[in-house]
Amino acid sequence: MPAGLHRTYGAHHLHFITCSCYRRLPFFHPARARDRFLSILEQTRQRYRFVVVGYVVMPEHVHLLLTEPEVGCPSTVMQVLKQRTARTLLPKRKRRDPRQRELFVEEARTGGPLKPGFGLSGDVHTSQTWSGEQN
């Protein structure tokens, strides 16, 4: 937590929260990803019993205006929301294997899956690049 930051909970105030995607990449650009995020938000809202006064989902970030949850605190709500969203939207293989992260970043940047045989720079690579082996 940054020095001097003080969080106050329990005063029944609204909380305006902004979250950016990893490297501000447009992970919410496909409508399916946005819909999945909103589904997770609704599940989290029901579990922690808070009201979503308003929200904006942009391709690379989210704005939320929330009441304080009856269960837990806003920090816990955001932790659960972000973790569940990441686990749902990011394929397991790409979450665990650091060699696959750059491919996933490029896929998110371009808005679709990479075509086999093309790497990050657009140069032709062998299929060994996809398996993580070096030529």
N, C-alpha and C. Protein backbone atom coordinates (compact mmCIF):
# COMPACT_ATOMS: atom_id res chain seq x y z
N MET A 1 0.85 -1.17 0.00
CA MET A 1 0.00 0.00 0.00
C MET A 1 0.90 1.23 0.00
N PRO A 2 0.61 2.23 -0.84
CA PRO A 2 1.42 3.44 -0.89
C PRO A 2 1.45 4.17 0.45
N ALA A 3 2.55 4.84 0.73
CA ALA A 3 2.69 5.58 1.99
C ALA A 3 1.64 6.69 2.03
N GLY A 4 1.03 6.85 3.19
CA GLY A 4 0.05 7.91 3.36
C GLY A 4 -1.36 7.55 2.93
N LEU A 5 -1.57 6.38 2.32
CA LEU A 5 -2.90 5.97 1.89
C LEU A 5 -3.65 5.41 3.08
N HIS A 6 -4.83 5.93 3.31
CA HIS A 6 -5.65 5.46 4.42
C HIS A 6 -7.03 5.09 3.87
N ARG A 7 -7.43 3.87 4.08
CA ARG A 7 -8.74 3.42 3.62
C ARG A 7 -9.71 3.47 4.78
N THR A 8 -10.88 4.02 4.54
CA THR A 8 -11.90 4.13 5.58
C THR A 8 -13.11 3.32 5.14
N TYR A 9 -13.44 2.33 5.92
CA TYR A 9 -14.61 1.51 5.66
C TYR A 9 -15.56 1.63 6.84
N GLY A 10 -16.81 1.32 6.60
CA GLY A 10 -17.78 1.32 7.69
C GLY A 10 -18.59 2.59 7.79
N ALA A 11 -18.32 3.58 6.96
CA ALA A 11 -19.07 4.84 7.00
C ALA A 11 -20.25 4.82 6.03
N HIS A 12 -20.47 3.71 5.36
CA HIS A 12 -21.56 3.54 4.39
C HIS A 12 -21.48 4.54 3.25
N HIS A 13 -20.27 4.83 2.80
CA HIS A 13 -20.05 5.70 1.66
C HIS A 13 -20.00 4.86 0.40
N LEU A 14 -20.17 5.53 -0.74
CA LEU A 14 -19.96 4.86 -2.01
C LEU A 14 -18.48 4.80 -2.31
N HIS A 15 -18.06 3.78 -3.04
CA HIS A 15 -16.66 3.61 -3.42
C HIS A 15 -16.55 3.61 -4.93
N PHE A 16 -15.77 4.56 -5.46
CA PHE A 16 -15.51 4.63 -6.90
C PHE A 16 -14.18 3.93 -7.14
N ILE A 17 -14.20 2.86 -7.92
CA ILE A 17 -13.01 2.02 -8.13
C ILE A 17 -12.74 1.92 -9.62
N THR A 18 -11.48 2.10 -9.99
CA THR A 18 -11.05 1.94 -11.38
C THR A 18 -9.97 0.86 -11.41
N CYS A 19 -10.10 -0.08 -12.32
CA CYS A 19 -9.11 -1.14 -12.49
C CYS A 19 -8.70 -1.19 -13.96
N SER A 20 -7.41 -1.28 -14.19
CA SER A 20 -6.89 -1.43 -15.55
C SER A 20 -6.49 -2.86 -15.79
N CYS A 21 -6.59 -3.29 -17.02
CA CYS A 21 -6.14 -4.62 -17.40
C CYS A 21 -4.61 -4.65 -17.44
N TYR A 22 -4.07 -5.85 -17.43
CA TYR A 22 -2.63 -6.06 -17.49
C TYR A 22 -2.06 -5.33 -18.71
N ARG A 23 -1.10 -4.46 -18.46
CA ARG A 23 -0.46 -3.65 -19.51
C ARG A 23 -1.46 -2.85 -20.34
N ARG A 24 -2.62 -2.58 -19.73
CA ARG A 24 -3.71 -1.85 -20.39
C ARG A 24 -4.09 -2.47 -21.74
N LEU A 25 -4.05 -3.77 -21.78
CA LEU A 25 -4.44 -4.49 -23.00
C LEU A 25 -5.96 -4.64 -23.04
N PRO A 26 -6.55 -4.68 -24.21
CA PRO A 26 -8.02 -4.73 -24.33
C PRO A 26 -8.60 -6.12 -24.11
N PHE A 27 -8.48 -6.63 -22.89
CA PHE A 27 -9.01 -7.96 -22.60
C PHE A 27 -10.54 -8.00 -22.65
N PHE A 28 -11.20 -6.85 -22.46
CA PHE A 28 -12.66 -6.82 -22.49
C PHE A 28 -13.21 -6.42 -23.85
N HIS A 29 -12.36 -6.41 -24.88
CA HIS A 29 -12.82 -6.00 -26.20
C HIS A 29 -13.85 -6.97 -26.78
N PRO A 30 -13.65 -8.28 -26.73
CA PRO A 30 -14.71 -9.16 -27.24
C PRO A 30 -15.93 -9.07 -26.33
N ALA A 31 -17.12 -9.04 -26.92
CA ALA A 31 -18.35 -8.96 -26.14
C ALA A 31 -18.48 -10.13 -25.17
N ARG A 32 -17.98 -11.29 -25.56
CA ARG A 32 -18.06 -12.46 -24.68
C ARG A 32 -17.27 -12.24 -23.39
N ALA A 33 -16.11 -11.60 -23.49
CA ALA A 33 -15.29 -11.33 -22.30
C ALA A 33 -15.99 -10.32 -21.39
N ARG A 34 -16.58 -9.28 -21.98
CA ARG A 34 -17.33 -8.30 -21.18
C ARG A 34 -18.49 -8.96 -20.47
N ASP A 35 -19.23 -9.79 -21.20
CA ASP A 35 -20.38 -10.47 -20.60
C ASP A 35 -19.95 -11.39 -19.47
N ARG A 36 -18.84 -12.06 -19.65
CA ARG A 36 -18.34 -12.96 -18.60
C ARG A 36 -17.93 -12.16 -17.36
N PHE A 37 -17.27 -11.00 -17.57
CA PHE A 37 -16.92 -10.14 -16.45
C PHE A 37 -18.17 -9.69 -15.70
N LEU A 38 -19.21 -9.28 -16.44
CA LEU A 38 -20.44 -8.83 -15.79
C LEU A 38 -21.13 -9.96 -15.04
N SER A 39 -21.04 -11.17 -15.55
CA SER A 39 -21.59 -12.33 -14.86
C SER A 39 -20.85 -12.56 -13.54
N ILE A 40 -19.54 -12.44 -13.57
CA ILE A 40 -18.73 -12.61 -12.35
C ILE A 40 -19.03 -11.48 -11.37
N LEU A 41 -19.20 -10.26 -11.88
CA LEU A 41 -19.55 -9.13 -11.02
C LEU A 41 -20.87 -9.40 -10.31
N GLU A 42 -21.85 -9.91 -11.04
CA GLU A 42 -23.16 -10.22 -10.43
C GLU A 42 -23.04 -11.31 -9.37
N GLN A 43 -22.27 -12.35 -9.65
CA GLN A 43 -22.08 -13.42 -8.65
C GLN A 43 -21.39 -12.87 -7.40
N THR A 44 -20.40 -12.02 -7.60
CA THR A 44 -19.68 -11.41 -6.48
C THR A 44 -20.62 -10.49 -5.70
N ARG A 45 -21.45 -9.73 -6.41
CA ARG A 45 -22.40 -8.83 -5.77
C ARG A 45 -23.37 -9.60 -4.87
N GLN A 46 -23.85 -10.73 -5.35
CA GLN A 46 -24.77 -11.53 -4.55
C GLN A 46 -24.07 -12.15 -3.35
N ARG A 47 -22.84 -12.61 -3.53
CA ARG A 47 -22.11 -13.26 -2.45
C ARG A 47 -21.76 -12.29 -1.32
N TYR A 48 -21.33 -11.07 -1.68
CA TYR A 48 -20.88 -10.10 -0.67
C TYR A 48 -21.96 -9.06 -0.34
N ARG A 49 -23.10 -9.14 -0.99
CA ARG A 49 -24.27 -8.31 -0.72
C ARG A 49 -23.93 -6.82 -0.73
N PHE A 50 -23.66 -6.31 -1.92
CA PHE A 50 -23.45 -4.88 -2.11
C PHE A 50 -24.25 -4.45 -3.33
N VAL A 51 -24.40 -3.15 -3.52
CA VAL A 51 -25.16 -2.61 -4.64
C VAL A 51 -24.18 -1.98 -5.63
N VAL A 52 -24.35 -2.32 -6.89
CA VAL A 52 -23.58 -1.67 -7.95
C VAL A 52 -24.42 -0.49 -8.42
N VAL A 53 -24.00 0.72 -8.04
CA VAL A 53 -24.74 1.92 -8.40
C VAL A 53 -24.52 2.23 -9.88
N GLY A 54 -23.31 1.99 -10.36
CA GLY A 54 -23.01 2.21 -11.76
C GLY A 54 -21.71 1.54 -12.14
N TYR A 55 -21.55 1.28 -13.42
CA TYR A 55 -20.31 0.69 -13.92
C TYR A 55 -20.12 1.06 -15.37
N VAL A 56 -18.86 1.06 -15.78
CA VAL A 56 -18.49 1.25 -17.19
C VAL A 56 -17.41 0.23 -17.48
N VAL A 57 -17.62 -0.59 -18.49
CA VAL A 57 -16.61 -1.57 -18.91
C VAL A 57 -16.04 -1.10 -20.24
N MET A 58 -14.80 -0.68 -20.23
CA MET A 58 -14.10 -0.26 -21.44
C MET A 58 -13.22 -1.44 -21.88
N PRO A 59 -12.68 -1.42 -23.09
CA PRO A 59 -11.86 -2.56 -23.54
C PRO A 59 -10.67 -2.86 -22.64
N GLU A 60 -10.06 -1.83 -22.01
CA GLU A 60 -8.85 -2.06 -21.23
C GLU A 60 -8.97 -1.68 -19.76
N HIS A 61 -10.14 -1.21 -19.31
CA HIS A 61 -10.31 -0.89 -17.90
C HIS A 61 -11.79 -0.88 -17.52
N VAL A 62 -12.02 -0.82 -16.20
CA VAL A 62 -13.37 -0.88 -15.65
C VAL A 62 -13.52 0.22 -14.59
N HIS A 63 -14.66 0.89 -14.58
CA HIS A 63 -15.02 1.82 -13.51
C HIS A 63 -16.23 1.23 -12.79
N LEU A 64 -16.17 1.21 -11.45
CA LEU A 64 -17.27 0.70 -10.64
C LEU A 64 -17.63 1.71 -9.57
N LEU A 65 -18.92 1.87 -9.29
CA LEU A 65 -19.40 2.67 -8.18
C LEU A 65 -20.22 1.73 -7.30
N LEU A 66 -19.68 1.42 -6.13
CA LEU A 66 -20.25 0.38 -5.28
C LEU A 66 -20.59 0.92 -3.90
N THR A 67 -21.61 0.32 -3.28
CA THR A 67 -21.83 0.56 -1.86
C THR A 67 -20.90 -0.37 -1.09
N GLU A 68 -20.81 -0.15 0.20
CA GLU A 68 -19.98 -1.05 1.01
C GLU A 68 -20.69 -2.39 1.12
N PRO A 69 -19.94 -3.47 1.00
CA PRO A 69 -20.57 -4.79 1.10
C PRO A 69 -21.00 -5.10 2.53
N GLU A 70 -22.06 -5.89 2.66
CA GLU A 70 -22.49 -6.33 3.99
C GLU A 70 -21.54 -7.39 4.53
N VAL A 71 -20.91 -8.13 3.64
CA VAL A 71 -19.95 -9.17 4.02
C VAL A 71 -18.58 -8.72 3.51
N GLY A 72 -17.58 -8.68 4.37
CA GLY A 72 -16.24 -8.30 3.93
C GLY A 72 -16.11 -6.80 3.75
N CYS A 73 -15.10 -6.41 2.96
CA CYS A 73 -14.84 -5.00 2.70
C CYS A 73 -14.62 -4.82 1.19
N PRO A 74 -14.60 -3.60 0.69
CA PRO A 74 -14.41 -3.38 -0.74
C PRO A 74 -13.11 -3.99 -1.28
N SER A 75 -12.06 -4.00 -0.47
CA SER A 75 -10.79 -4.60 -0.92
C SER A 75 -10.96 -6.08 -1.20
N THR A 76 -11.67 -6.78 -0.33
CA THR A 76 -11.91 -8.22 -0.53
C THR A 76 -12.77 -8.45 -1.77
N VAL A 77 -13.79 -7.62 -1.94
CA VAL A 77 -14.66 -7.73 -3.12
C VAL A 77 -13.84 -7.60 -4.39
N MET A 78 -12.97 -6.59 -4.44
CA MET A 78 -12.16 -6.38 -5.65
C MET A 78 -11.17 -7.50 -5.86
N GLN A 79 -10.58 -8.01 -4.79
CA GLN A 79 -9.65 -9.13 -4.91
C GLN A 79 -10.35 -10.34 -5.53
N VAL A 80 -11.52 -10.66 -5.03
CA VAL A 80 -12.28 -11.81 -5.54
C VAL A 80 -12.69 -11.56 -6.99
N LEU A 81 -13.19 -10.37 -7.29
CA LEU A 81 -13.63 -10.05 -8.64
C LEU A 81 -12.48 -10.15 -9.64
N LYS A 82 -11.33 -9.60 -9.30
CA LYS A 82 -10.19 -9.62 -10.21
C LYS A 82 -9.62 -11.03 -10.39
N GLN A 83 -9.52 -11.79 -9.29
CA GLN A 83 -8.99 -13.14 -9.40
C GLN A 83 -9.91 -14.05 -10.21
N ARG A 84 -11.19 -13.98 -9.95
CA ARG A 84 -12.13 -14.84 -10.69
C ARG A 84 -12.18 -14.47 -12.17
N THR A 85 -12.10 -13.17 -12.46
CA THR A 85 -12.11 -12.73 -13.86
C THR A 85 -10.85 -13.24 -14.57
N ALA A 86 -9.70 -13.10 -13.94
CA ALA A 86 -8.45 -13.56 -14.55
C ALA A 86 -8.47 -15.06 -14.78
N ARG A 87 -8.94 -15.80 -13.79
CA ARG A 87 -8.98 -17.26 -13.93
C ARG A 87 -9.94 -17.70 -15.01
N THR A 88 -10.98 -16.93 -15.24
CA THR A 88 -11.97 -17.29 -16.26
C THR A 88 -11.51 -16.90 -17.66
N LEU A 89 -10.94 -15.71 -17.78
CA LEU A 89 -10.61 -15.20 -19.12
C LEU A 89 -9.25 -15.67 -19.63
N LEU A 90 -8.31 -15.96 -18.72
CA LEU A 90 -6.99 -16.39 -19.16
C LEU A 90 -6.91 -17.90 -19.18
N PRO A 91 -6.54 -18.50 -20.29
CA PRO A 91 -6.40 -19.95 -20.34
C PRO A 91 -5.34 -20.41 -19.34
N LYS A 92 -5.56 -21.57 -18.75
CA LYS A 92 -4.65 -22.08 -17.72
C LYS A 92 -3.22 -22.19 -18.22
N ARG A 93 -3.05 -22.70 -19.41
CA ARG A 93 -1.69 -22.90 -19.94
C ARG A 93 -0.95 -21.57 -20.02
N LYS A 94 -1.64 -20.54 -20.43
CA LYS A 94 -0.99 -19.25 -20.61
C LYS A 94 -0.78 -18.54 -19.28
N ARG A 95 -1.54 -18.89 -18.25
CA ARG A 95 -1.32 -18.31 -16.93
C ARG A 95 -0.07 -18.89 -16.29
N ARG A 96 0.17 -20.18 -16.49
CA ARG A 96 1.26 -20.86 -15.80
C ARG A 96 2.57 -20.81 -16.53
N ASP A 97 2.57 -20.90 -17.83
CA ASP A 97 3.79 -21.01 -18.61
C ASP A 97 4.28 -19.63 -19.04
N PRO A 98 5.38 -19.15 -18.45
CA PRO A 98 5.84 -17.80 -18.81
C PRO A 98 6.21 -17.67 -20.28
N ARG A 99 6.54 -18.77 -20.94
CA ARG A 99 6.89 -18.70 -22.37
C ARG A 99 5.67 -18.38 -23.21
N GLN A 100 4.47 -18.64 -22.70
CA GLN A 100 3.25 -18.40 -23.45
C GLN A 100 2.69 -17.00 -23.21
N ARG A 101 3.19 -16.29 -22.18
CA ARG A 101 2.62 -14.99 -21.84
C ARG A 101 2.72 -13.99 -22.98
N GLU A 102 3.86 -13.92 -23.64
CA GLU A 102 4.02 -12.95 -24.71
C GLU A 102 3.08 -13.25 -25.88
N LEU A 103 2.84 -14.53 -26.13
CA LEU A 103 1.89 -14.88 -27.18
C LEU A 103 0.49 -14.42 -26.80
N PHE A 104 0.15 -14.58 -25.51
CA PHE A 104 -1.16 -14.16 -25.06
C PHE A 104 -1.30 -12.64 -25.11
N VAL A 105 -0.25 -11.93 -24.74
CA VAL A 105 -0.26 -10.46 -24.79
C VAL A 105 -0.49 -10.00 -26.23
N GLU A 106 0.20 -10.61 -27.18
CA GLU A 106 0.03 -10.24 -28.57
C GLU A 106 -1.38 -10.59 -29.05
N GLU A 107 -1.91 -11.71 -28.60
CA GLU A 107 -3.26 -12.11 -28.97
C GLU A 107 -4.27 -11.09 -28.46
N ALA A 108 -4.10 -10.63 -27.24
CA ALA A 108 -5.02 -9.62 -26.68
C ALA A 108 -4.87 -8.29 -27.41
N ARG A 109 -3.65 -7.95 -27.80
CA ARG A 109 -3.40 -6.68 -28.48
C ARG A 109 -4.05 -6.66 -29.86
N THR A 110 -3.99 -7.79 -30.58
CA THR A 110 -4.53 -7.84 -31.93
C THR A 110 -6.02 -8.17 -31.96
N GLY A 111 -6.56 -8.64 -30.84
CA GLY A 111 -7.99 -8.92 -30.79
C GLY A 111 -8.38 -10.30 -31.28
N GLY A 112 -7.45 -11.18 -31.45
CA GLY A 112 -7.79 -12.52 -31.90
C GLY A 112 -6.62 -13.45 -31.76
N PRO A 113 -6.86 -14.73 -31.96
CA PRO A 113 -5.76 -15.69 -31.82
C PRO A 113 -4.72 -15.49 -32.91
N LEU A 114 -3.48 -15.75 -32.55
CA LEU A 114 -2.41 -15.68 -33.53
C LEU A 114 -2.55 -16.83 -34.50
N LYS A 115 -2.20 -16.60 -35.72
CA LYS A 115 -2.22 -17.68 -36.71
C LYS A 115 -0.98 -18.54 -36.51
N PRO A 116 -1.12 -19.86 -36.54
CA PRO A 116 0.04 -20.72 -36.38
C PRO A 116 1.11 -20.37 -37.41
N GLY A 117 2.35 -20.34 -36.94
CA GLY A 117 3.46 -20.06 -37.83
C GLY A 117 3.90 -18.61 -37.80
N PHE A 118 3.17 -17.74 -37.10
CA PHE A 118 3.56 -16.35 -37.02
C PHE A 118 3.83 -15.98 -35.58
N GLY A 119 4.97 -15.38 -35.34
CA GLY A 119 5.37 -14.98 -33.99
C GLY A 119 4.99 -13.54 -33.72
N LEU A 120 5.54 -12.99 -32.66
CA LEU A 120 5.20 -11.64 -32.23
C LEU A 120 5.59 -10.59 -33.25
N SER A 121 6.70 -10.79 -33.94
CA SER A 121 7.15 -9.77 -34.88
C SER A 121 6.54 -9.95 -36.26
N GLY A 122 5.77 -11.01 -36.46
CA GLY A 122 5.18 -11.27 -37.75
C GLY A 122 6.10 -12.11 -38.64
N ASP A 123 7.28 -12.45 -38.14
CA ASP A 123 8.19 -13.29 -38.90
C ASP A 123 7.72 -14.74 -38.84
N VAL A 124 8.04 -15.49 -39.86
CA VAL A 124 7.67 -16.89 -39.90
C VAL A 124 8.57 -17.68 -38.95
N HIS A 125 7.95 -18.50 -38.11
CA HIS A 125 8.67 -19.35 -37.16
C HIS A 125 8.23 -20.79 -37.38
N THR A 126 8.99 -21.69 -36.86
CA THR A 126 8.60 -23.10 -36.94
C THR A 126 7.61 -23.40 -35.83
N SER A 127 6.99 -24.55 -35.89
CA SER A 127 6.03 -24.95 -34.86
C SER A 127 6.71 -25.16 -33.52
N GLN A 128 8.04 -25.27 -33.49
CA GLN A 128 8.72 -25.44 -32.22
C GLN A 128 8.56 -24.19 -31.35
N THR A 129 8.34 -23.04 -31.94
CA THR A 129 8.14 -21.82 -31.17
C THR A 129 6.90 -21.96 -30.28
N TRP A 130 5.86 -22.60 -30.78
CA TRP A 130 4.64 -22.75 -30.02
C TRP A 130 4.82 -23.69 -28.84
N SER A 131 5.70 -24.66 -28.95
CA SER A 131 5.89 -25.60 -27.86
C SER A 131 6.90 -25.09 -26.85
N GLY A 132 7.52 -23.94 -27.12
CA GLY A 132 8.46 -23.36 -26.19
C GLY A 132 9.89 -23.81 -26.40
N GLU A 133 10.13 -24.70 -27.35
CA GLU A 133 11.48 -25.16 -27.62
C GLU A 133 12.20 -24.14 -28.48
N GLN A 134 13.49 -24.09 -28.34
CA GLN A 134 14.30 -23.17 -29.13
C GLN A 134 14.87 -23.86 -30.35
N ASN A 135 15.02 -23.14 -31.45
CA ASN A 135 15.61 -23.70 -32.67
C ASN A 135 17.09 -23.91 -32.50
